Amino acid sequence: MRDQVLASLRDAFAGTAKASIAQGTLVLEVAPPDVIDAGTRLRRDCGFDLLLDVTAVDWPGRALRFDVAWHFYSTTQRVRARLRTAVAEATPEVASLTGLYGSAGFMERECHDMYGIRFVGNDDLRPILLYEGFVGHPLRKDYAKEHEQPLVRYRDGA
């Protein structure tokens, strides 16, 4: 089944993306401007109806420092897929998939908190894991583990 889906992905994205299998998961690598189109086609044409996760990987020293990855599951074909793109440190932003998957909103907020990647089209990138006023992005590899954050006053039950 996975090989059939891979073949259809290669056909569907010929020339615009690289499709492969890595550790048993279908992987589709696209350029940042193609994220919405790829996400739409994965959902509409390939049946990936469940968004599992949005995360990133930090590669300091690389021109495109961050890999942003979305993980999907097809409940009808029982196959997993990963959509991946790379963004630069100077402009760490990529299109949001909240228009396709409502749950992307919370996952993109977490990724924004941890890595500082902006999801264009997600109007709610408030901190979800960190508190307002937290300085930096703790999953970036250049974040100093000794870094002390400002103290925040305890809010009692209100």
N, C-alpha and C. Protein backbone atom coordinates (compact mmCIF):
# COMPACT_ATOMS: atom_id res chain seq x y z
N MET A 1 0.83 -1.20 0.00
CA MET A 1 0.00 0.00 0.00
C MET A 1 0.86 1.26 0.00
N ARG A 2 1.88 1.27 0.86
CA ARG A 2 2.76 2.44 0.96
C ARG A 2 3.45 2.72 -0.37
N ASP A 3 3.87 1.66 -1.07
CA ASP A 3 4.55 1.83 -2.36
C ASP A 3 3.61 2.42 -3.40
N GLN A 4 2.33 2.04 -3.34
CA GLN A 4 1.35 2.60 -4.27
C GLN A 4 1.15 4.09 -4.00
N VAL A 5 1.07 4.46 -2.73
CA VAL A 5 0.90 5.87 -2.37
C VAL A 5 2.15 6.65 -2.77
N LEU A 6 3.34 6.07 -2.56
CA LEU A 6 4.58 6.73 -2.96
C LEU A 6 4.59 6.97 -4.47
N ALA A 7 4.20 5.98 -5.23
CA ALA A 7 4.17 6.14 -6.69
C ALA A 7 3.20 7.25 -7.09
N SER A 8 2.04 7.31 -6.44
CA SER A 8 1.08 8.36 -6.77
C SER A 8 1.60 9.74 -6.36
N LEU A 9 2.33 9.81 -5.23
CA LEU A 9 2.92 11.08 -4.82
C LEU A 9 3.99 11.53 -5.81
N ARG A 10 4.82 10.59 -6.25
CA ARG A 10 5.85 10.93 -7.24
C ARG A 10 5.22 11.46 -8.52
N ASP A 11 4.12 10.84 -8.94
CA ASP A 11 3.42 11.31 -10.14
C ASP A 11 2.80 12.68 -9.92
N ALA A 12 2.13 12.83 -8.77
CA ALA A 12 1.42 14.08 -8.48
C ALA A 12 2.36 15.27 -8.32
N PHE A 13 3.55 15.02 -7.77
CA PHE A 13 4.47 16.12 -7.47
C PHE A 13 5.72 16.09 -8.35
N ALA A 14 5.65 15.43 -9.49
CA ALA A 14 6.81 15.34 -10.39
C ALA A 14 7.31 16.74 -10.73
N GLY A 15 8.60 16.96 -10.53
CA GLY A 15 9.21 18.24 -10.87
C GLY A 15 9.13 19.31 -9.79
N THR A 16 8.20 19.18 -8.83
CA THR A 16 8.07 20.22 -7.80
C THR A 16 8.48 19.74 -6.41
N ALA A 17 8.66 18.44 -6.25
CA ALA A 17 8.98 17.91 -4.93
C ALA A 17 9.77 16.61 -5.07
N LYS A 18 10.42 16.26 -3.99
CA LYS A 18 11.13 14.99 -3.92
C LYS A 18 10.35 14.06 -3.00
N ALA A 19 9.98 12.90 -3.52
CA ALA A 19 9.22 11.93 -2.71
C ALA A 19 10.08 10.71 -2.47
N SER A 20 10.07 10.22 -1.22
CA SER A 20 10.86 9.05 -0.86
C SER A 20 10.22 8.37 0.36
N ILE A 21 10.84 7.26 0.79
CA ILE A 21 10.44 6.60 2.03
C ILE A 21 11.64 6.61 2.96
N ALA A 22 11.42 7.08 4.19
CA ALA A 22 12.48 7.10 5.20
C ALA A 22 11.93 6.50 6.48
N GLN A 23 12.56 5.45 6.98
CA GLN A 23 12.14 4.76 8.19
C GLN A 23 10.66 4.40 8.17
N GLY A 24 10.20 3.93 7.02
CA GLY A 24 8.83 3.47 6.89
C GLY A 24 7.79 4.55 6.70
N THR A 25 8.21 5.81 6.57
CA THR A 25 7.29 6.93 6.40
C THR A 25 7.50 7.57 5.04
N LEU A 26 6.42 7.87 4.36
CA LEU A 26 6.51 8.61 3.10
C LEU A 26 7.00 10.02 3.41
N VAL A 27 7.97 10.51 2.65
CA VAL A 27 8.52 11.85 2.87
C VAL A 27 8.39 12.64 1.59
N LEU A 28 7.81 13.82 1.70
CA LEU A 28 7.65 14.72 0.57
C LEU A 28 8.36 16.02 0.91
N GLU A 29 9.41 16.34 0.17
CA GLU A 29 10.18 17.56 0.41
C GLU A 29 9.81 18.59 -0.65
N VAL A 30 9.38 19.78 -0.17
CA VAL A 30 8.95 20.84 -1.08
C VAL A 30 9.62 22.15 -0.71
N ALA A 31 9.58 23.11 -1.63
CA ALA A 31 10.05 24.46 -1.36
C ALA A 31 8.98 25.18 -0.54
N PRO A 32 9.35 26.16 0.29
CA PRO A 32 8.37 26.85 1.14
C PRO A 32 7.13 27.38 0.40
N PRO A 33 7.27 27.95 -0.80
CA PRO A 33 6.05 28.44 -1.47
C PRO A 33 5.06 27.34 -1.87
N ASP A 34 5.51 26.08 -1.88
CA ASP A 34 4.66 24.97 -2.31
C ASP A 34 3.98 24.22 -1.16
N VAL A 35 4.13 24.70 0.07
CA VAL A 35 3.60 23.98 1.24
C VAL A 35 2.07 23.87 1.19
N ILE A 36 1.38 24.95 0.91
CA ILE A 36 -0.09 24.93 0.87
C ILE A 36 -0.58 23.98 -0.22
N ASP A 37 0.00 24.07 -1.40
CA ASP A 37 -0.40 23.20 -2.50
C ASP A 37 -0.15 21.73 -2.15
N ALA A 38 1.01 21.45 -1.57
CA ALA A 38 1.34 20.06 -1.21
C ALA A 38 0.39 19.56 -0.12
N GLY A 39 0.12 20.38 0.89
CA GLY A 39 -0.80 19.98 1.95
C GLY A 39 -2.21 19.74 1.42
N THR A 40 -2.65 20.60 0.50
CA THR A 40 -3.97 20.45 -0.10
C THR A 40 -4.06 19.14 -0.89
N ARG A 41 -3.04 18.86 -1.67
CA ARG A 41 -3.05 17.65 -2.49
C ARG A 41 -2.94 16.40 -1.63
N LEU A 42 -2.15 16.46 -0.55
CA LEU A 42 -2.06 15.31 0.35
C LEU A 42 -3.43 15.00 0.96
N ARG A 43 -4.14 16.04 1.34
CA ARG A 43 -5.45 15.84 1.97
C ARG A 43 -6.51 15.43 0.95
N ARG A 44 -6.63 16.21 -0.11
CA ARG A 44 -7.71 16.02 -1.09
C ARG A 44 -7.49 14.80 -1.99
N ASP A 45 -6.29 14.68 -2.54
CA ASP A 45 -6.05 13.65 -3.55
C ASP A 45 -5.50 12.34 -2.99
N CYS A 46 -4.78 12.42 -1.86
CA CYS A 46 -4.10 11.23 -1.34
C CYS A 46 -4.73 10.69 -0.07
N GLY A 47 -5.71 11.38 0.49
CA GLY A 47 -6.45 10.85 1.63
C GLY A 47 -5.78 11.00 2.99
N PHE A 48 -4.82 11.90 3.12
CA PHE A 48 -4.19 12.12 4.43
C PHE A 48 -5.08 13.07 5.22
N ASP A 49 -6.01 12.49 5.96
CA ASP A 49 -7.05 13.25 6.62
C ASP A 49 -6.76 13.63 8.06
N LEU A 50 -5.62 13.22 8.59
CA LEU A 50 -5.30 13.48 9.99
C LEU A 50 -3.90 14.09 10.10
N LEU A 51 -3.83 15.29 10.67
CA LEU A 51 -2.54 15.93 10.94
C LEU A 51 -2.10 15.50 12.34
N LEU A 52 -0.94 14.88 12.41
CA LEU A 52 -0.45 14.34 13.69
C LEU A 52 0.41 15.34 14.45
N ASP A 53 1.26 16.08 13.74
CA ASP A 53 2.26 16.89 14.43
C ASP A 53 2.86 17.91 13.48
N VAL A 54 3.30 19.02 14.05
CA VAL A 54 4.11 20.01 13.34
C VAL A 54 5.33 20.25 14.20
N THR A 55 6.50 20.12 13.61
CA THR A 55 7.73 20.33 14.38
C THR A 55 8.81 20.90 13.48
N ALA A 56 9.98 21.08 14.03
CA ALA A 56 11.10 21.61 13.27
C ALA A 56 12.40 20.96 13.74
N VAL A 57 13.42 21.09 12.94
CA VAL A 57 14.76 20.63 13.29
C VAL A 57 15.70 21.80 13.02
N ASP A 58 16.56 22.09 13.96
CA ASP A 58 17.51 23.20 13.86
C ASP A 58 18.86 22.68 13.37
N TRP A 59 19.33 23.25 12.28
CA TRP A 59 20.64 22.90 11.71
C TRP A 59 21.51 24.15 11.67
N PRO A 60 22.14 24.55 12.79
CA PRO A 60 22.97 25.76 12.79
C PRO A 60 24.09 25.64 11.77
N GLY A 61 24.40 26.75 11.14
CA GLY A 61 25.48 26.76 10.16
C GLY A 61 25.02 26.43 8.75
N ARG A 62 23.82 25.92 8.61
CA ARG A 62 23.29 25.63 7.29
C ARG A 62 22.55 26.86 6.77
N ALA A 63 22.64 27.14 5.47
CA ALA A 63 21.99 28.33 4.90
C ALA A 63 20.49 28.33 5.19
N LEU A 64 19.83 27.23 4.96
CA LEU A 64 18.42 27.08 5.33
C LEU A 64 18.40 26.34 6.66
N ARG A 65 18.46 27.11 7.74
CA ARG A 65 18.75 26.57 9.07
C ARG A 65 17.70 25.60 9.61
N PHE A 66 16.43 25.84 9.32
CA PHE A 66 15.37 25.04 9.93
C PHE A 66 14.66 24.17 8.91
N ASP A 67 14.45 22.91 9.27
CA ASP A 67 13.53 22.05 8.53
C ASP A 67 12.22 22.07 9.30
N VAL A 68 11.14 22.40 8.63
CA VAL A 68 9.81 22.36 9.23
C VAL A 68 9.13 21.11 8.70
N ALA A 69 8.54 20.32 9.60
CA ALA A 69 7.95 19.04 9.20
C ALA A 69 6.53 18.91 9.74
N TRP A 70 5.63 18.48 8.86
CA TRP A 70 4.26 18.17 9.22
C TRP A 70 4.10 16.66 9.06
N HIS A 71 3.51 15.99 10.03
CA HIS A 71 3.29 14.54 9.96
C HIS A 71 1.80 14.26 9.81
N PHE A 72 1.47 13.42 8.84
CA PHE A 72 0.08 13.11 8.50
C PHE A 72 -0.17 11.62 8.59
N TYR A 73 -1.45 11.28 8.68
CA TYR A 73 -1.86 9.87 8.66
C TYR A 73 -3.12 9.75 7.82
N SER A 74 -3.17 8.72 7.00
CA SER A 74 -4.37 8.42 6.22
C SER A 74 -5.13 7.32 6.95
N THR A 75 -6.32 7.64 7.44
CA THR A 75 -7.10 6.65 8.18
C THR A 75 -7.70 5.59 7.25
N THR A 76 -7.79 5.88 5.97
CA THR A 76 -8.34 4.89 5.03
C THR A 76 -7.26 3.95 4.51
N GLN A 77 -6.04 4.49 4.28
CA GLN A 77 -4.96 3.66 3.73
C GLN A 77 -3.98 3.18 4.79
N ARG A 78 -4.13 3.74 6.00
CA ARG A 78 -3.24 3.39 7.12
C ARG A 78 -1.77 3.59 6.78
N VAL A 79 -1.49 4.78 6.28
CA VAL A 79 -0.14 5.14 5.86
C VAL A 79 0.20 6.49 6.47
N ARG A 80 1.47 6.65 6.87
CA ARG A 80 1.95 7.92 7.41
C ARG A 80 2.73 8.66 6.33
N ALA A 81 2.72 10.00 6.43
CA ALA A 81 3.49 10.83 5.50
C ALA A 81 4.07 12.02 6.25
N ARG A 82 5.20 12.49 5.76
CA ARG A 82 5.84 13.69 6.31
C ARG A 82 6.02 14.69 5.17
N LEU A 83 5.57 15.90 5.39
CA LEU A 83 5.80 17.00 4.47
C LEU A 83 6.89 17.86 5.09
N ARG A 84 7.94 18.13 4.32
CA ARG A 84 9.07 18.85 4.90
C ARG A 84 9.52 19.97 3.97
N THR A 85 9.90 21.09 4.58
CA THR A 85 10.48 22.21 3.84
C THR A 85 11.57 22.83 4.69
N ALA A 86 12.43 23.60 4.07
CA ALA A 86 13.54 24.25 4.78
C ALA A 86 13.37 25.76 4.69
N VAL A 87 13.63 26.45 5.81
CA VAL A 87 13.53 27.91 5.85
C VAL A 87 14.80 28.50 6.44
N ALA A 88 15.08 29.73 6.04
CA ALA A 88 16.30 30.41 6.48
C ALA A 88 16.12 31.04 7.86
N GLU A 89 17.23 31.24 8.55
CA GLU A 89 17.19 31.87 9.87
C GLU A 89 16.78 33.33 9.78
N ALA A 90 17.18 34.01 8.72
CA ALA A 90 16.87 35.43 8.58
C ALA A 90 15.37 35.67 8.46
N THR A 91 14.66 34.79 7.78
CA THR A 91 13.20 34.89 7.63
C THR A 91 12.58 33.53 7.91
N PRO A 92 12.52 33.13 9.18
CA PRO A 92 11.98 31.80 9.49
C PRO A 92 10.45 31.80 9.45
N GLU A 93 9.91 31.74 8.24
CA GLU A 93 8.46 31.72 8.11
C GLU A 93 8.05 30.80 6.97
N VAL A 94 6.86 30.24 7.16
CA VAL A 94 6.29 29.30 6.20
C VAL A 94 4.78 29.43 6.30
N ALA A 95 4.08 29.00 5.27
CA ALA A 95 2.62 29.09 5.26
C ALA A 95 2.00 28.18 6.31
N SER A 96 0.89 28.62 6.87
CA SER A 96 0.16 27.83 7.85
C SER A 96 -0.78 26.86 7.16
N LEU A 97 -0.98 25.71 7.77
CA LEU A 97 -1.94 24.73 7.25
C LEU A 97 -3.25 24.74 8.04
N THR A 98 -3.51 25.83 8.78
CA THR A 98 -4.74 25.90 9.56
C THR A 98 -5.99 25.90 8.70
N GLY A 99 -5.89 26.35 7.46
CA GLY A 99 -7.03 26.33 6.55
C GLY A 99 -7.43 24.92 6.13
N LEU A 100 -6.48 23.99 6.21
CA LEU A 100 -6.74 22.60 5.83
C LEU A 100 -7.02 21.72 7.03
N TYR A 101 -6.29 21.96 8.11
CA TYR A 101 -6.39 21.16 9.33
C TYR A 101 -6.53 22.14 10.50
N GLY A 102 -7.68 22.16 11.12
CA GLY A 102 -7.90 23.08 12.23
C GLY A 102 -6.92 22.88 13.37
N SER A 103 -6.53 21.63 13.62
CA SER A 103 -5.62 21.33 14.72
C SER A 103 -4.22 21.89 14.50
N ALA A 104 -3.91 22.30 13.28
CA ALA A 104 -2.59 22.87 13.00
C ALA A 104 -2.33 24.12 13.82
N GLY A 105 -3.38 24.82 14.19
CA GLY A 105 -3.22 26.06 14.94
C GLY A 105 -2.42 25.89 16.21
N PHE A 106 -2.79 24.90 17.02
CA PHE A 106 -2.09 24.67 18.28
C PHE A 106 -0.68 24.14 18.05
N MET A 107 -0.53 23.26 17.08
CA MET A 107 0.80 22.68 16.81
C MET A 107 1.76 23.74 16.27
N GLU A 108 1.26 24.64 15.44
CA GLU A 108 2.09 25.72 14.92
C GLU A 108 2.48 26.69 16.03
N ARG A 109 1.58 26.92 16.97
CA ARG A 109 1.92 27.78 18.12
C ARG A 109 3.08 27.18 18.90
N GLU A 110 3.04 25.87 19.12
CA GLU A 110 4.11 25.20 19.85
C GLU A 110 5.44 25.32 19.10
N CYS A 111 5.41 25.10 17.80
CA CYS A 111 6.62 25.19 16.99
C CYS A 111 7.16 26.63 16.99
N HIS A 112 6.24 27.60 16.95
CA HIS A 112 6.64 29.01 17.03
C HIS A 112 7.31 29.31 18.36
N ASP A 113 6.72 28.81 19.45
CA ASP A 113 7.31 28.98 20.79
C ASP A 113 8.74 28.43 20.85
N MET A 114 8.90 27.22 20.42
CA MET A 114 10.15 26.50 20.62
C MET A 114 11.26 26.89 19.64
N TYR A 115 10.89 27.27 18.40
CA TYR A 115 11.90 27.55 17.38
C TYR A 115 11.85 28.96 16.81
N GLY A 116 10.76 29.68 17.02
CA GLY A 116 10.64 31.03 16.47
C GLY A 116 10.24 31.07 15.01
N ILE A 117 9.70 29.98 14.51
CA ILE A 117 9.26 29.94 13.12
C ILE A 117 7.85 30.52 13.04
N ARG A 118 7.67 31.48 12.15
CA ARG A 118 6.38 32.14 12.00
C ARG A 118 5.56 31.41 10.94
N PHE A 119 4.31 31.14 11.25
CA PHE A 119 3.40 30.47 10.32
C PHE A 119 2.44 31.52 9.76
N VAL A 120 2.71 31.91 8.53
CA VAL A 120 1.93 32.97 7.88
C VAL A 120 0.52 32.45 7.62
N GLY A 121 -0.46 33.17 8.14
CA GLY A 121 -1.85 32.76 8.01
C GLY A 121 -2.44 32.25 9.31
N ASN A 122 -1.58 31.96 10.29
CA ASN A 122 -2.06 31.59 11.62
C ASN A 122 -2.12 32.87 12.44
N ASP A 123 -3.33 33.32 12.72
CA ASP A 123 -3.52 34.60 13.40
C ASP A 123 -3.34 34.52 14.90
N ASP A 124 -3.07 33.34 15.44
CA ASP A 124 -2.94 33.18 16.89
C ASP A 124 -1.63 32.47 17.22
N LEU A 125 -0.54 33.21 17.20
CA LEU A 125 0.76 32.62 17.55
C LEU A 125 1.19 33.04 18.95
N ARG A 126 0.20 33.24 19.84
CA ARG A 126 0.52 33.51 21.24
C ARG A 126 1.27 32.32 21.81
N PRO A 127 2.09 32.55 22.84
CA PRO A 127 2.75 31.42 23.48
C PRO A 127 1.74 30.41 23.99
N ILE A 128 2.06 29.13 23.80
CA ILE A 128 1.18 28.07 24.27
C ILE A 128 1.88 27.22 25.34
N LEU A 129 3.20 27.08 25.23
CA LEU A 129 3.97 26.33 26.22
C LEU A 129 4.78 27.26 27.13
N LEU A 130 5.16 28.39 26.60
CA LEU A 130 5.95 29.36 27.37
C LEU A 130 5.04 30.47 27.85
N TYR A 131 5.53 31.31 28.72
CA TYR A 131 4.72 32.41 29.21
C TYR A 131 5.02 33.68 28.43
N GLU A 132 4.08 34.62 28.48
CA GLU A 132 4.29 35.92 27.83
C GLU A 132 5.53 36.55 28.45
N GLY A 133 6.40 37.06 27.62
CA GLY A 133 7.62 37.68 28.12
C GLY A 133 8.82 36.76 28.11
N PHE A 134 8.65 35.48 27.79
CA PHE A 134 9.77 34.56 27.69
C PHE A 134 10.66 35.04 26.55
N VAL A 135 11.97 35.06 26.79
CA VAL A 135 12.91 35.56 25.79
C VAL A 135 13.63 34.39 25.14
N GLY A 136 13.55 34.32 23.82
CA GLY A 136 14.26 33.27 23.08
C GLY A 136 13.37 32.10 22.72
N HIS A 137 14.02 31.11 22.14
CA HIS A 137 13.32 29.90 21.66
C HIS A 137 14.14 28.70 22.12
N PRO A 138 13.69 27.99 23.14
CA PRO A 138 14.52 27.01 23.85
C PRO A 138 14.94 25.76 23.07
N LEU A 139 14.33 25.43 21.96
CA LEU A 139 14.78 24.26 21.21
C LEU A 139 15.77 24.60 20.10
N ARG A 140 16.09 25.88 19.95
CA ARG A 140 17.16 26.25 19.04
C ARG A 140 18.48 25.81 19.66
N LYS A 141 19.35 25.30 18.84
CA LYS A 141 20.60 24.76 19.38
C LYS A 141 21.54 25.83 19.92
N ASP A 142 21.31 27.09 19.58
CA ASP A 142 22.15 28.16 20.13
C ASP A 142 21.55 28.79 21.39
N TYR A 143 20.46 28.24 21.91
CA TYR A 143 19.86 28.75 23.13
C TYR A 143 20.68 28.24 24.31
N ALA A 144 21.21 29.15 25.09
CA ALA A 144 22.07 28.78 26.22
C ALA A 144 21.24 28.14 27.33
N LYS A 145 21.63 26.94 27.74
CA LYS A 145 20.85 26.27 28.77
C LYS A 145 20.96 26.96 30.12
N GLU A 146 21.98 27.79 30.31
CA GLU A 146 22.14 28.53 31.57
C GLU A 146 21.33 29.83 31.57
N HIS A 147 20.69 30.13 30.44
CA HIS A 147 19.95 31.38 30.30
C HIS A 147 18.83 31.47 31.34
N GLU A 148 18.81 32.57 32.09
CA GLU A 148 17.76 32.75 33.08
C GLU A 148 16.69 33.66 32.52
N GLN A 149 15.46 33.30 32.78
CA GLN A 149 14.32 34.07 32.29
C GLN A 149 13.84 35.01 33.38
N PRO A 150 13.18 36.10 32.97
CA PRO A 150 12.62 37.01 33.98
C PRO A 150 11.55 36.29 34.80
N LEU A 151 11.48 36.63 36.05
CA LEU A 151 10.46 36.04 36.92
C LEU A 151 9.09 36.61 36.59
N VAL A 152 8.11 35.76 36.64
CA VAL A 152 6.74 36.18 36.37
C VAL A 152 5.94 35.99 37.64
N ARG A 153 5.18 37.02 37.97
CA ARG A 153 4.37 36.98 39.19
C ARG A 153 3.35 35.86 39.09
N TYR A 154 3.18 35.11 40.16
CA TYR A 154 2.20 34.03 40.23
C TYR A 154 0.80 34.61 40.19
N ARG A 155 -0.04 34.03 39.34
CA ARG A 155 -1.44 34.49 39.23
C ARG A 155 -2.31 33.49 39.97
N ASP A 156 -2.97 33.96 41.00
CA ASP A 156 -3.75 33.09 41.87
C ASP A 156 -5.18 32.92 41.37
N GLY A 157 -5.44 31.78 40.72
CA GLY A 157 -6.77 31.33 40.36
C GLY A 157 -7.68 32.28 39.59
N ALA A 158 -7.23 33.37 39.06
CA ALA A 158 -8.14 34.29 38.38
C ALA A 158 -8.08 34.14 36.93
